[in-house]
Amino acid sequence: MSATTMKRRFPRSNVNPATWAMLIAARQDTQSGTADEVMLKLHDAFCQLKAGTTDDDMFDRLGSCINVGLVRAEQIDPVCVAPMVAARDALIRCDGIRGRHGRYGFDGPGIQAMAAGLDVYEEMLRRSTPQQMAEAAATSYHLTLRQAAAEQRATA
C-alpha cells in the first residue's frame, strides 16, 4: 500500500458537535445583541429605581450586576474597581432609602456613581467572554453565600 492511497483515520469523538460550538462561543467576546439586551434591562432597572419603584426585582437585578461587575473588575485592573465600589455603595444607600421611605431612590452622588458603574460594567461585558462573565457570576454567588453565612454566625 502506497502512502498516497493510505487514508489516515482519526478517532471519532463522542462529543456532540454542538458542544464544540458552544465551547468556542463561550471564549469569544460577548455578542453585541446580547450585550445590548442585557444593558437595556439594566438601564430600565436603574430608571425604575430612580423613579421610586417598590419592585425588589429591579433592585436585585441591578445589585447582582454590580456584584458580578465588581468581581470582574478585580480580575481586570484596580482602575475598574473604584467605580464598581461606588456603584455598590450607591445601591446600599438606595436600599436605605427604601427602608426609610418605602420606595427605592438614589441621592445625587448615587445617581452619578450608578451611571458610571453601569458604563464600566457595559465595557467589561462587551469585552469579556461569556465564560469570563459566568465565572465572575459564580464567584459573586459564592461570596454572597459566604457573607450570608458569616452574618448568620455573627447573630447566632
Protein backbone atom coordinates (compact mmCIF):
# COMPACT_ATOMS: atom_id res chain seq x y z
CA MET A 1 0.00 0.00 0.00
CA SER A 2 1.50 3.32 -1.01
CA ALA A 3 1.43 6.46 1.09
CA THR A 4 -0.86 8.18 -1.40
CA THR A 5 -3.57 5.52 -1.10
CA MET A 6 -3.34 5.19 2.64
CA LYS A 7 -6.04 7.16 4.45
CA ARG A 8 -5.37 8.48 7.87
CA ARG A 9 -8.21 7.73 10.20
CA PHE A 10 -8.95 9.98 13.14
CA PRO A 11 -10.77 8.53 16.10
CA ARG A 12 -14.40 9.52 16.24
CA SER A 13 -15.35 11.76 19.10
CA ASN A 14 -18.35 11.01 21.27
CA VAL A 15 -18.82 14.73 21.89
CA ASN A 16 -21.83 16.35 20.28
CA PRO A 17 -20.68 18.83 17.59
CA ALA A 18 -22.91 21.47 19.14
CA THR A 19 -20.82 21.19 22.31
CA TRP A 20 -17.73 22.27 20.38
CA ALA A 21 -19.61 25.26 19.01
CA MET A 22 -20.79 26.26 22.49
CA LEU A 23 -17.27 25.93 23.91
CA ILE A 24 -15.84 28.10 21.16
CA ALA A 25 -18.62 30.68 21.52
CA ALA A 26 -18.03 30.87 25.29
CA ARG A 27 -14.49 32.01 24.56
CA GLN A 28 -15.45 34.81 22.16
CA ASP A 29 -16.38 38.33 23.18
CA THR A 30 -20.00 38.74 24.20
CA GLN A 31 -22.16 39.21 21.12
CA SER A 32 -23.30 42.78 20.57
CA GLY A 33 -27.00 41.89 20.54
CA THR A 34 -26.69 40.02 23.81
CA ALA A 35 -24.86 42.90 25.46
CA ASP A 36 -27.44 45.37 24.12
CA GLU A 37 -30.28 43.31 25.60
CA VAL A 38 -28.57 42.99 28.99
CA MET A 39 -27.77 46.68 29.16
CA LEU A 40 -31.31 47.66 28.16
CA LYS A 41 -32.66 45.66 31.12
CA LEU A 42 -30.09 47.16 33.50
CA HIS A 43 -30.80 50.73 32.40
CA ASP A 44 -34.51 50.05 32.76
CA ALA A 45 -33.96 48.82 36.32
CA PHE A 46 -31.85 51.90 37.08
CA CYS A 47 -34.57 54.21 35.72
CA GLN A 48 -37.25 52.45 37.74
CA LEU A 49 -35.18 52.69 40.93
CA LYS A 50 -34.56 56.39 40.30
CA ALA A 51 -38.30 56.88 39.77
CA GLY A 52 -39.12 55.36 43.15
CA THR A 53 -40.30 51.86 42.32
CA THR A 54 -41.09 49.39 45.08
CA ASP A 55 -40.17 46.43 42.84
CA ASP A 56 -37.47 44.43 44.63
CA ASP A 57 -36.67 42.57 41.40
CA MET A 58 -35.34 45.80 39.87
CA PHE A 59 -33.07 46.31 42.87
CA ASP A 60 -31.90 42.69 42.75
CA ARG A 61 -31.23 42.89 39.00
CA LEU A 62 -29.02 45.94 39.42
CA GLY A 63 -27.42 44.58 42.58
CA SER A 64 -26.39 41.29 41.03
CA CYS A 65 -24.98 43.12 38.00
CA ILE A 66 -22.86 45.37 40.21
CA ASN A 67 -21.66 42.43 42.32
CA VAL A 68 -20.64 40.46 39.24
CA GLY A 69 -19.08 43.60 37.78
CA LEU A 70 -17.06 44.13 40.94
CA VAL A 71 -15.66 40.59 40.77
CA ARG A 72 -14.84 41.01 37.05
CA ALA A 73 -13.27 44.44 37.69
CA GLU A 74 -10.97 42.91 40.30
CA GLN A 75 -9.84 40.41 37.68
CA ILE A 76 -9.07 43.16 35.18
CA ASP A 77 -7.49 46.16 36.91
CA PRO A 78 -7.82 48.26 40.08
CA VAL A 79 -8.85 51.23 37.92
CA CYS A 80 -12.08 49.38 37.13
CA VAL A 81 -12.76 48.56 40.78
CA ALA A 82 -13.35 52.10 42.13
CA PRO A 83 -16.45 52.90 40.02
CA MET A 84 -17.92 49.49 40.81
CA VAL A 85 -17.40 50.01 44.55
CA ALA A 86 -19.00 53.46 44.30
CA ALA A 87 -21.97 51.92 42.46
CA ARG A 88 -22.28 49.22 45.12
CA ASP A 89 -22.24 51.88 47.84
CA ALA A 90 -24.91 53.84 45.93
CA LEU A 91 -27.09 50.72 45.90
CA ILE A 92 -26.63 50.30 49.64
CA ARG A 93 -27.84 53.88 50.12
CA CYS A 94 -30.69 53.22 47.66
CA ASP A 95 -31.77 50.28 49.83
CA GLY A 96 -31.59 52.54 52.88
CA ILE A 97 -33.94 55.00 51.18
CA ARG A 98 -36.36 52.11 50.56
CA GLY A 99 -36.18 51.24 54.26
CA ARG A 100 -36.94 54.81 55.34
CA HIS A 101 -39.48 55.84 52.70
CA GLY A 102 -40.95 52.61 51.34
CA ARG A 103 -39.67 53.33 47.82
CA TYR A 104 -36.30 52.98 46.19
CA GLY A 105 -34.38 56.06 45.22
CA PHE A 106 -30.88 57.49 44.81
CA ASP A 107 -29.19 60.53 46.22
CA GLY A 108 -27.38 62.80 43.73
CA PRO A 109 -23.95 61.19 44.14
CA GLY A 110 -25.62 57.78 43.93
CA ILE A 111 -27.14 58.57 40.55
CA GLN A 112 -23.73 59.60 39.22
CA ALA A 113 -21.99 56.60 40.77
CA MET A 114 -24.53 54.14 39.39
CA ALA A 115 -24.34 55.67 35.91
CA ALA A 116 -20.54 55.36 35.97
CA GLY A 117 -20.75 51.81 37.33
CA LEU A 118 -23.09 50.81 34.53
CA ASP A 119 -20.72 52.34 31.97
CA VAL A 120 -17.82 50.28 33.34
CA TYR A 121 -20.00 47.17 33.52
CA GLU A 122 -21.06 47.60 29.90
CA GLU A 123 -17.47 47.93 28.74
CA MET A 124 -16.48 44.82 30.71
CA LEU A 125 -19.47 42.90 29.37
CA ARG A 126 -18.71 43.80 25.76
CA ARG A 127 -15.00 42.97 26.06
CA SER A 128 -15.31 39.83 28.17
CA THR A 129 -16.21 36.36 27.07
CA PRO A 130 -19.41 34.73 28.27
CA GLN A 131 -17.20 32.27 30.14
CA GLN A 132 -15.41 35.09 31.99
CA MET A 133 -18.73 36.67 32.95
CA ALA A 134 -20.13 33.31 34.06
CA GLU A 135 -17.06 32.69 36.21
CA ALA A 136 -17.43 36.15 37.76
CA ALA A 137 -21.11 35.41 38.43
CA ALA A 138 -20.24 32.11 40.11
CA THR A 139 -17.60 33.82 42.25
CA SER A 140 -20.06 36.56 43.20
CA TYR A 141 -22.64 33.95 44.16
CA HIS A 142 -20.17 32.08 46.39
CA LEU A 143 -19.02 35.32 48.02
CA THR A 144 -22.66 36.20 48.75
CA LEU A 145 -23.25 32.78 50.32
CA ARG A 146 -20.12 33.17 52.46
CA GLN A 147 -21.17 36.63 53.58
CA ALA A 148 -24.66 35.41 54.49
CA ALA A 149 -23.21 32.51 56.47
CA ALA A 150 -20.84 34.85 58.33
CA GLU A 151 -23.70 37.21 59.15
CA GLN A 152 -25.78 34.28 60.39
CA ARG A 153 -22.93 33.09 62.64
CA ALA A 154 -22.49 36.60 64.00
CA THR A 155 -26.15 36.83 65.04
CA ALA A 156 -26.30 33.30 66.48
